[in-house]
Amino acid sequence: MTRQLPDQAVFSAAGPLRGTAHLPGDKSVSHRALLYAGLAEGTSRVRGLSDGDDVARTRSALVALGVEMDGDHVRGGRSRLAEAERSIDLGNSGTGLRLLAGLAAGLPFLTILEGDRSIHRRPMGRVVEPLRAMGAAVDGRDGGRLAPLVVRGGDLHGIDYAPPVPSAQVKGAILLAGLAADGVTTVREPVVTRRHSEELLARFGATVETEATTGGGQVVRVRPGALAPTELDVPADPSQAAFLAVAACLVPGSQVRLERVYVGPGRAGFVEVLRRMGAAVEVVARDATTADLVVGHAPLTATTVGGAEVPDCIDEIPVLAVAAAFAEGTTRFVDAAELRVKESDRVAAVVAGLRAIGARAEELPDGLVVEGDPTLSPQGRVDAHGDHRVAMAFAVAALRGGPVTVDGFASVATSWPGFADTLAALR
């Protein structure tokens, strides 16, 4: 059972952060690794999974469909899968719901996917449209634009599809469905999103190909076929690493080491943004896609974040906005309208939170502007609007002053139940 957290938490300064932090497994990798292991014929071993509620929901969903779980062992295969007795509740996990829609599209029975109030407000048409084009019968509220989703799968055919909005979740759902489709399934990305789906599909033995295109995009193709079981160590989550990295940047005297962080394509954008702002971030490579990040305090200056780099740091923008509040100058986050359809309207939530702690910020239709003040000493009360990334971002802001009360802190359990303990252990 996922650890329960208080809905209200108070944070304040308590000296520099020093030492090595234990980070949870990458959430995006964890979802996909479990889903592919659930389809693979045989027993896979997946170590270091994210311990948040989001991934626990994906795990429970697979069990409901007939997959056996025993610690880090996953016994899967299409021959094991059967119609769930009741609807599958993905809680607050948009990734889990969208990816499971892709998996369910390839299964010859009915699957009903639902979640909490936040999930039922988030756009699902972007994944329903291509799955319908592949031949799945998918329905939901507002003509399939909103959850719950009802998926009757089977008899799929491959498609050639260019998502109108850059989305690794949509790409992942289409590729999952493509494993059970007749012919080749192709996803064209003008802006490359995080590559976990294609990397892990190859790891599980799928016939998947990637091709770079002019202008920095890519084409991903998958052919139908069975997956093979494998062993996998999930790397540390870069989106979680970003909170501790910003904390170390902001608090004088700090230096932290963040081990085994995934820094492959599509996930390390926040590192480049922080470096551009003057942060002291050393990347110590471990292998092709993981590294230790060594981060120390440094004065920050403003920057502009926009264009093709946004998908690489979209989840980190709340805490980057906090960093900007203490930087010299005016920072702009643009081309990030996707922030408005996350767990909360993150543009509105972050701007309101910054103002609540004494910073200056304004909303843009596709982002926000933050007027930095290196002397800011934050204090006040912030409503996280049930959004884990907003809650953690303002816990980090409090380290430069405080007290800051964060309402809605219980949402952190969806991704990192041990976040506050990790912060405390570094102080």
Protein backbone atom coordinates (compact mmCIF):
# COMPACT_ATOMS: atom_id res chain seq x y z
CA MET A 1 0.00 0.00 0.00
CA THR A 2 1.29 3.47 -0.90
CA ARG A 3 2.37 5.57 2.06
CA GLN A 4 -0.16 8.20 3.20
CA LEU A 5 1.08 11.77 3.60
CA PRO A 6 -0.46 14.72 5.48
CA ASP A 7 -2.48 17.08 3.31
CA GLN A 8 -0.72 20.07 4.87
CA ALA A 9 3.01 20.40 5.45
CA VAL A 10 5.23 23.26 6.61
CA PHE A 11 8.76 23.81 5.29
CA SER A 12 11.46 26.34 6.18
CA ALA A 13 15.20 26.96 5.96
CA ALA A 14 17.46 24.74 8.08
CA GLY A 15 20.97 25.06 6.69
CA PRO A 16 22.79 23.69 3.64
CA LEU A 17 22.00 20.41 1.94
CA ARG A 18 24.94 18.00 1.87
CA GLY A 19 25.50 14.38 0.92
CA THR A 20 24.18 11.72 -1.46
CA ALA A 21 20.44 11.43 -2.05
CA HIS A 22 18.47 8.25 -2.62
CA LEU A 23 16.12 8.87 -5.53
CA PRO A 24 13.11 6.78 -6.56
CA GLY A 25 13.10 4.85 -9.81
CA ASP A 26 12.04 6.74 -12.91
CA LYS A 27 8.25 6.88 -13.06
CA SER A 28 8.01 6.88 -16.85
CA VAL A 29 10.35 3.91 -17.18
CA SER A 30 8.55 2.07 -14.36
CA HIS A 31 5.13 2.29 -16.05
CA ARG A 32 6.47 1.04 -19.36
CA ALA A 33 8.68 -1.68 -17.90
CA LEU A 34 5.71 -3.15 -16.02
CA LEU A 35 3.43 -3.01 -19.08
CA TYR A 36 5.97 -4.66 -21.36
CA ALA A 37 6.79 -7.28 -18.73
CA GLY A 38 3.05 -7.94 -18.47
CA LEU A 39 2.91 -8.67 -22.20
CA ALA A 40 6.13 -10.68 -22.36
CA GLU A 41 5.71 -14.48 -22.34
CA GLY A 42 7.49 -15.63 -19.19
CA THR A 43 9.01 -14.04 -16.09
CA SER A 44 10.75 -10.68 -16.14
CA ARG A 45 12.58 -9.06 -13.25
CA VAL A 46 12.23 -5.29 -12.84
CA ARG A 47 14.25 -3.80 -9.99
CA GLY A 48 14.08 -0.29 -8.56
CA LEU A 49 10.55 0.65 -9.57
CA SER A 50 9.11 3.99 -8.55
CA ASP A 51 7.41 3.60 -5.16
CA GLY A 52 4.70 6.20 -5.82
CA ASP A 53 0.99 5.58 -6.11
CA ASP A 54 0.96 6.17 -9.88
CA VAL A 55 3.13 3.13 -10.60
CA ALA A 56 1.36 1.10 -7.91
CA ARG A 57 -1.87 1.72 -9.90
CA THR A 58 -0.31 0.36 -13.09
CA ARG A 59 0.90 -2.66 -11.16
CA SER A 60 -2.60 -3.28 -9.76
CA ALA A 61 -4.13 -2.83 -13.21
CA LEU A 62 -1.94 -5.57 -14.65
CA VAL A 63 -2.82 -7.89 -11.78
CA ALA A 64 -6.51 -7.24 -12.51
CA LEU A 65 -5.84 -8.35 -16.10
CA GLY A 66 -4.17 -11.61 -15.03
CA VAL A 67 -0.47 -10.78 -14.65
CA GLU A 68 1.25 -12.28 -11.60
CA MET A 69 3.48 -10.05 -9.46
CA ASP A 70 5.88 -11.31 -6.80
CA GLY A 71 8.23 -8.62 -5.54
CA ASP A 72 10.25 -7.52 -8.55
CA HIS A 73 9.25 -10.60 -10.59
CA VAL A 74 6.56 -10.17 -13.23
CA ARG A 75 4.99 -13.24 -14.85
CA GLY A 76 3.22 -12.10 -17.98
CA GLY A 77 2.17 -12.98 -21.50
CA ARG A 78 -0.88 -12.47 -23.68
CA SER A 79 -1.99 -16.02 -22.89
CA ARG A 80 -2.46 -14.98 -19.24
CA LEU A 81 -4.50 -11.84 -19.91
CA ALA A 82 -8.27 -11.83 -19.43
CA GLU A 83 -11.07 -9.33 -18.98
CA ALA A 84 -10.99 -7.61 -15.60
CA GLU A 85 -13.97 -8.21 -13.33
CA ARG A 86 -14.49 -4.47 -12.75
CA SER A 87 -13.27 -1.12 -13.99
CA ILE A 88 -9.57 -0.35 -13.48
CA ASP A 89 -8.86 2.73 -11.35
CA LEU A 90 -5.61 4.53 -12.29
CA GLY A 91 -5.99 7.17 -9.57
CA ASN A 92 -4.05 10.31 -10.55
CA SER A 93 -1.93 8.65 -13.22
CA GLY A 94 -2.44 10.10 -16.69
CA THR A 95 0.54 8.10 -17.95
CA GLY A 96 -0.92 4.86 -16.62
CA LEU A 97 -4.35 5.48 -18.10
CA ARG A 98 -3.16 6.53 -21.55
CA LEU A 99 -0.61 3.71 -21.87
CA LEU A 100 -3.11 1.13 -20.64
CA ALA A 101 -5.57 2.36 -23.27
CA GLY A 102 -2.95 1.39 -25.86
CA LEU A 103 -2.42 -2.01 -24.29
CA ALA A 104 -6.18 -2.61 -23.97
CA ALA A 105 -6.68 -1.74 -27.65
CA GLY A 106 -4.73 -4.87 -28.53
CA LEU A 107 -6.68 -7.19 -26.23
CA PRO A 108 -9.80 -8.99 -27.53
CA PHE A 109 -12.13 -7.99 -24.71
CA LEU A 110 -13.58 -5.02 -22.84
CA THR A 111 -11.50 -2.85 -20.52
CA ILE A 112 -12.82 0.14 -18.55
CA LEU A 113 -10.24 2.69 -17.38
CA GLU A 114 -11.02 5.40 -14.84
CA GLY A 115 -9.25 7.63 -12.33
CA ASP A 116 -9.69 10.44 -9.85
CA ARG A 117 -11.34 13.84 -10.44
CA SER A 118 -8.14 15.29 -11.86
CA ILE A 119 -7.77 12.50 -14.42
CA HIS A 120 -11.40 12.90 -15.48
CA ARG A 121 -10.61 16.52 -16.46
CA ARG A 122 -7.50 15.74 -18.50
CA PRO A 123 -7.62 15.40 -22.32
CA MET A 124 -7.91 11.83 -23.60
CA GLY A 125 -8.97 12.53 -27.18
CA ARG A 126 -5.31 12.72 -28.19
CA VAL A 127 -4.92 8.99 -27.49
CA VAL A 128 -8.47 7.89 -28.37
CA GLU A 129 -8.25 9.26 -31.93
CA PRO A 130 -5.28 7.15 -33.10
CA LEU A 131 -6.53 4.02 -31.32
CA ARG A 132 -9.87 4.36 -33.11
CA ALA A 133 -7.97 4.81 -36.39
CA MET A 134 -6.25 1.48 -35.68
CA GLY A 135 -9.63 -0.25 -35.32
CA ALA A 136 -10.24 -0.28 -31.57
CA ALA A 137 -13.70 0.63 -30.28
CA VAL A 138 -13.06 3.36 -27.69
CA ASP A 139 -15.66 5.48 -25.95
CA GLY A 140 -15.78 7.82 -23.00
CA ARG A 141 -17.27 11.04 -21.73
CA ASP A 142 -17.62 13.87 -24.23
CA GLY A 143 -17.35 11.47 -27.15
CA GLY A 144 -14.16 9.90 -25.85
CA ARG A 145 -12.37 13.16 -25.06
CA LEU A 146 -12.54 12.51 -21.32
CA ALA A 147 -12.23 9.52 -18.99
CA PRO A 148 -13.56 7.06 -18.03
CA LEU A 149 -12.56 5.26 -21.22
CA VAL A 150 -14.22 2.06 -22.39
CA VAL A 151 -11.98 0.08 -24.74
CA ARG A 152 -12.98 -2.99 -26.75
CA GLY A 153 -9.82 -4.10 -28.47
CA GLY A 154 -8.65 -6.57 -31.09
CA ASP A 155 -8.51 -6.67 -34.91
CA LEU A 156 -6.13 -3.74 -35.17
CA HIS A 157 -4.23 -2.53 -38.21
CA GLY A 158 -1.10 -0.42 -38.30
CA ILE A 159 -1.32 3.32 -38.99
CA ASP A 160 1.02 6.12 -39.96
CA TYR A 161 0.34 8.88 -37.43
CA ALA A 162 1.74 12.28 -36.48
CA PRO A 163 0.45 13.36 -33.03
CA PRO A 164 -0.76 16.99 -33.15
CA VAL A 165 0.70 17.61 -29.67
CA PRO A 166 4.16 16.29 -28.69
CA SER A 167 3.39 13.49 -26.22
CA ALA A 168 5.46 10.50 -25.12
CA GLN A 169 2.29 9.03 -23.62
CA VAL A 170 0.44 9.12 -26.95
CA LYS A 171 3.45 7.69 -28.76
CA GLY A 172 3.72 4.94 -26.14
CA ALA A 173 0.03 4.04 -26.39
CA ILE A 174 0.17 3.77 -30.19
CA LEU A 175 3.30 1.60 -30.08
CA LEU A 176 1.72 -0.69 -27.48
CA ALA A 177 -1.33 -1.13 -29.72
CA GLY A 178 0.97 -1.65 -32.69
CA LEU A 179 2.41 -4.78 -31.11
CA ALA A 180 -0.98 -6.44 -31.74
CA ALA A 181 -1.79 -4.80 -35.10
CA ASP A 182 -1.52 -6.13 -38.63
CA GLY A 183 1.32 -4.42 -40.45
CA VAL A 184 3.71 -1.68 -39.43
CA THR A 185 2.68 1.08 -37.02
CA THR A 186 4.47 4.40 -37.52
CA VAL A 187 4.61 7.46 -35.25
CA ARG A 188 6.08 10.67 -36.69
CA GLU A 189 7.41 13.23 -34.19
CA PRO A 190 8.42 16.68 -35.44
CA VAL A 191 9.63 17.29 -31.87
CA VAL A 192 11.19 14.22 -30.25
CA THR A 193 9.63 13.28 -26.91
CA ARG A 194 11.20 11.11 -24.23
CA ARG A 195 12.33 7.82 -25.78
CA HIS A 196 11.53 5.33 -23.05
CA SER A 197 8.92 3.47 -25.12
CA GLU A 198 11.18 2.72 -28.05
CA GLU A 199 14.23 2.03 -25.87
CA LEU A 200 12.37 -0.42 -23.64
CA LEU A 201 10.49 -2.08 -26.49
CA ALA A 202 13.86 -2.95 -28.01
CA ARG A 203 15.03 -4.23 -24.61
CA PHE A 204 12.01 -6.57 -24.50
CA GLY A 205 12.71 -7.90 -27.99
CA ALA A 206 10.24 -5.95 -30.12
CA THR A 207 11.02 -5.12 -33.73
CA VAL A 208 11.23 -1.35 -33.37
CA GLU A 209 13.09 1.12 -35.56
CA THR A 210 13.86 4.83 -35.13
CA GLU A 211 14.88 7.22 -37.86
CA ALA A 212 16.01 10.81 -37.43
CA THR A 213 14.30 13.36 -39.69
CA THR A 214 15.22 16.79 -40.98
CA GLY A 215 14.67 19.49 -38.40
CA GLY A 216 15.40 17.37 -35.35
CA GLY A 217 12.36 15.08 -35.38
CA GLN A 218 12.13 11.32 -35.62
CA VAL A 219 10.04 8.49 -36.99
CA VAL A 220 9.39 5.40 -34.84
CA ARG A 221 8.12 2.15 -36.37
CA VAL A 222 7.04 -1.02 -34.62
CA ARG A 223 6.05 -4.37 -36.10
CA PRO A 224 3.62 -6.79 -34.48
CA GLY A 225 5.07 -9.57 -32.40
CA ALA A 226 5.52 -11.10 -28.97
CA LEU A 227 7.77 -9.60 -26.32
CA ALA A 228 10.42 -11.62 -24.49
CA PRO A 229 11.03 -11.41 -20.73
CA THR A 230 14.11 -9.58 -19.52
CA GLU A 231 15.85 -8.19 -16.44
CA LEU A 232 15.93 -4.46 -15.90
CA ASP A 233 17.23 -1.99 -13.33
CA VAL A 234 15.13 1.17 -13.41
CA PRO A 235 17.33 4.31 -13.31
CA ALA A 236 16.68 7.18 -10.92
CA ASP A 237 14.00 9.66 -11.94
CA PRO A 238 15.35 12.92 -13.43
CA SER A 239 12.09 14.75 -12.75
CA GLN A 240 12.57 14.02 -9.05
CA ALA A 241 16.27 14.82 -9.24
CA ALA A 242 15.34 18.31 -10.47
CA PHE A 243 13.79 19.23 -7.11
CA LEU A 244 16.96 18.40 -5.19
CA ALA A 245 19.15 20.00 -7.85
CA VAL A 246 17.27 23.30 -7.57
CA ALA A 247 17.35 23.05 -3.77
CA ALA A 248 21.14 22.68 -3.84
CA CYS A 249 21.44 25.62 -6.26
CA LEU A 250 19.41 27.88 -3.99
CA VAL A 251 20.74 27.13 -0.49
CA PRO A 252 24.20 28.57 0.28
CA GLY A 253 26.80 25.99 1.27
CA SER A 254 24.95 23.10 -0.38
CA GLN A 255 26.40 20.29 -2.43
CA VAL A 256 24.50 17.10 -3.21
CA ARG A 257 25.19 14.06 -5.34
CA LEU A 258 22.24 12.49 -7.17
CA GLU A 259 23.11 8.97 -8.27
CA ARG A 260 22.19 6.96 -11.38
CA VAL A 261 19.89 9.59 -12.86
CA TYR A 262 18.47 8.90 -16.32
CA VAL A 263 19.91 11.58 -18.64
CA GLY A 264 19.01 10.05 -22.01
CA PRO A 265 17.31 11.98 -24.81
CA GLY A 266 14.20 13.87 -23.80
CA ARG A 267 14.78 13.92 -20.04
CA ALA A 268 17.84 16.03 -19.19
CA GLY A 269 16.51 19.38 -20.38
CA PHE A 270 16.36 20.82 -16.86
CA VAL A 271 20.13 20.34 -16.48
CA GLU A 272 20.81 22.53 -19.50
CA VAL A 273 18.36 25.18 -18.30
CA LEU A 274 20.00 25.32 -14.86
CA ARG A 275 23.48 25.51 -16.40
CA ARG A 276 22.32 28.36 -18.62
CA MET A 277 21.16 30.12 -15.46
CA GLY A 278 24.64 29.74 -13.95
CA ALA A 279 24.09 26.66 -11.79
CA ALA A 280 27.05 24.51 -10.76
CA VAL A 281 25.98 21.13 -12.14
CA GLU A 282 28.52 18.40 -12.94
CA VAL A 283 27.31 15.40 -14.95
CA VAL A 284 29.38 12.29 -14.18
CA ALA A 285 28.49 9.66 -16.78
CA ARG A 286 27.89 6.08 -15.68
CA ASP A 287 26.76 4.71 -19.04
CA ALA A 288 25.04 5.90 -22.22
CA THR A 289 21.84 7.01 -20.46
CA THR A 290 22.61 7.39 -16.73
CA ALA A 291 24.85 9.70 -14.74
CA ASP A 292 25.48 11.08 -11.28
CA LEU A 293 24.61 14.77 -10.93
CA VAL A 294 26.77 16.76 -8.53
CA VAL A 295 25.08 20.08 -7.76
CA GLY A 296 26.27 22.98 -5.61
CA HIS A 297 25.05 26.43 -4.66
CA ALA A 298 25.59 29.21 -7.19
CA PRO A 299 23.97 32.58 -7.93
CA LEU A 300 21.45 32.29 -10.77
CA THR A 301 20.57 34.60 -13.65
CA ALA A 302 17.44 34.73 -15.76
CA THR A 303 16.87 32.87 -19.02
CA THR A 304 14.14 32.06 -21.53
CA VAL A 305 12.80 28.52 -21.88
CA GLY A 306 10.81 27.75 -25.01
CA GLY A 307 10.58 26.01 -28.34
CA ALA A 308 11.89 22.48 -28.88
CA GLU A 309 13.47 22.32 -25.40
CA VAL A 310 10.10 22.50 -23.62
CA PRO A 311 9.13 18.80 -24.04
CA ASP A 312 12.50 17.89 -22.48
CA CYS A 313 11.71 19.80 -19.27
CA ILE A 314 7.92 20.20 -19.19
CA ASP A 315 7.53 18.37 -15.87
CA GLU A 316 10.37 20.33 -14.30
CA ILE A 317 9.05 23.81 -15.14
CA PRO A 318 7.31 24.26 -11.73
CA VAL A 319 10.60 23.91 -9.86
CA LEU A 320 12.54 25.80 -12.55
CA ALA A 321 10.07 28.65 -12.01
CA VAL A 322 10.95 28.54 -8.31
CA ALA A 323 14.64 28.77 -9.26
CA ALA A 324 13.77 31.76 -11.47
CA ALA A 325 12.14 33.53 -8.52
CA PHE A 326 15.60 33.78 -6.87
CA ALA A 327 17.54 34.58 -10.07
CA GLU A 328 18.75 37.97 -11.23
CA GLY A 329 16.47 39.25 -13.99
CA THR A 330 13.27 38.16 -15.72
CA THR A 331 12.76 34.54 -16.80
CA ARG A 332 10.17 33.58 -19.42
CA PHE A 333 8.66 30.12 -19.95
CA VAL A 334 6.85 30.01 -23.31
CA ASP A 335 5.49 27.39 -25.76
CA ALA A 336 4.35 25.43 -22.71
CA ALA A 337 0.54 25.47 -22.98
CA GLU A 338 0.61 21.75 -22.10
CA LEU A 339 1.21 22.87 -18.50
CA ARG A 340 -2.43 23.89 -18.32
CA VAL A 341 -3.70 20.29 -18.75
CA LYS A 342 -1.49 18.48 -16.26
CA GLU A 343 -2.61 17.32 -12.78
CA SER A 344 -3.57 20.95 -12.30
CA ASP A 345 -3.40 24.06 -14.45
CA ARG A 346 0.27 24.38 -13.58
CA VAL A 347 0.60 27.84 -15.07
CA ALA A 348 -2.10 29.21 -12.78
CA ALA A 349 -1.01 27.13 -9.77
CA VAL A 350 2.66 28.10 -10.00
CA VAL A 351 1.98 31.79 -10.57
CA ALA A 352 -0.46 31.88 -7.63
CA GLY A 353 2.05 30.04 -5.46
CA LEU A 354 4.91 32.37 -6.35
CA ARG A 355 2.79 35.39 -5.51
CA ALA A 356 1.71 33.78 -2.24
CA ILE A 357 5.35 33.55 -1.06
CA GLY A 358 6.19 37.12 -2.08
CA ALA A 359 7.61 36.60 -5.58
CA ARG A 360 6.46 38.40 -8.72
CA ALA A 361 5.04 36.36 -11.60
CA GLU A 362 2.49 36.69 -14.39
CA GLU A 363 0.60 34.18 -16.48
CA LEU A 364 0.97 33.89 -20.24
CA PRO A 365 -1.44 31.91 -22.43
CA ASP A 366 1.35 29.38 -23.04
CA GLY A 367 3.52 29.81 -19.96
CA LEU A 368 4.62 32.34 -17.36
CA VAL A 369 6.99 35.21 -16.60
CA VAL A 370 8.93 35.32 -13.33
CA GLU A 371 10.60 38.48 -12.01
CA GLY A 372 13.59 37.24 -10.06
CA ASP A 373 14.85 38.62 -6.76
CA PRO A 374 18.05 37.09 -5.29
CA THR A 375 17.15 38.57 -1.88
CA LEU A 376 13.69 36.97 -1.73
CA SER A 377 12.89 35.39 1.63
CA PRO A 378 9.74 33.38 0.96
CA GLN A 379 6.98 32.80 3.43
CA GLY A 380 3.26 32.28 3.20
CA ARG A 381 0.71 29.64 2.31
CA VAL A 382 0.51 27.85 -1.04
CA ASP A 383 -2.30 25.76 -2.50
CA ALA A 384 -0.75 22.92 -4.54
CA HIS A 385 -4.15 22.14 -6.12
CA GLY A 386 -3.57 18.42 -5.60
CA ASP A 387 -0.50 18.51 -7.87
CA HIS A 388 2.59 16.69 -6.65
CA ARG A 389 5.05 18.75 -8.69
CA VAL A 390 3.62 22.05 -7.48
CA ALA A 391 3.71 20.82 -3.88
CA MET A 392 7.35 19.75 -4.07
CA ALA A 393 8.39 22.91 -5.92
CA PHE A 394 7.17 25.15 -3.09
CA ALA A 395 8.71 22.90 -0.45
CA VAL A 396 12.01 23.66 -2.22
CA ALA A 397 11.25 27.40 -2.31
CA ALA A 398 10.80 27.39 1.47
CA LEU A 399 14.43 26.33 1.96
CA ARG A 400 15.47 29.95 1.35
CA GLY A 401 13.29 31.31 4.15
CA GLY A 402 9.95 30.12 5.34
CA PRO A 403 7.86 29.08 6.91
CA VAL A 404 5.86 28.08 3.84
CA THR A 405 2.72 26.02 4.36
CA VAL A 406 1.88 23.74 1.45
CA ASP A 407 -1.77 22.70 1.24
CA GLY A 408 -2.39 19.60 -0.84
CA PHE A 409 0.97 18.04 0.06
CA ALA A 410 -0.62 14.57 0.20
CA SER A 411 -0.50 14.55 -3.62
CA VAL A 412 3.27 13.94 -3.39
CA ALA A 413 2.47 10.29 -2.63
CA THR A 414 1.57 9.79 -6.29
CA SER A 415 5.22 10.05 -7.30
CA TRP A 416 7.63 10.34 -4.33
CA PRO A 417 6.26 9.47 -0.88
CA GLY A 418 9.73 9.84 0.65
CA PHE A 419 10.45 13.32 -0.70
CA ALA A 420 10.27 15.18 2.63
CA ASP A 421 12.36 12.49 4.36
CA THR A 422 15.01 12.75 1.64
CA LEU A 423 15.17 16.52 2.06
CA ALA A 424 15.50 16.15 5.83
CA ALA A 425 18.29 13.58 5.49
CA LEU A 426 20.39 16.05 3.46
CA ARG A 427 20.13 18.83 6.08
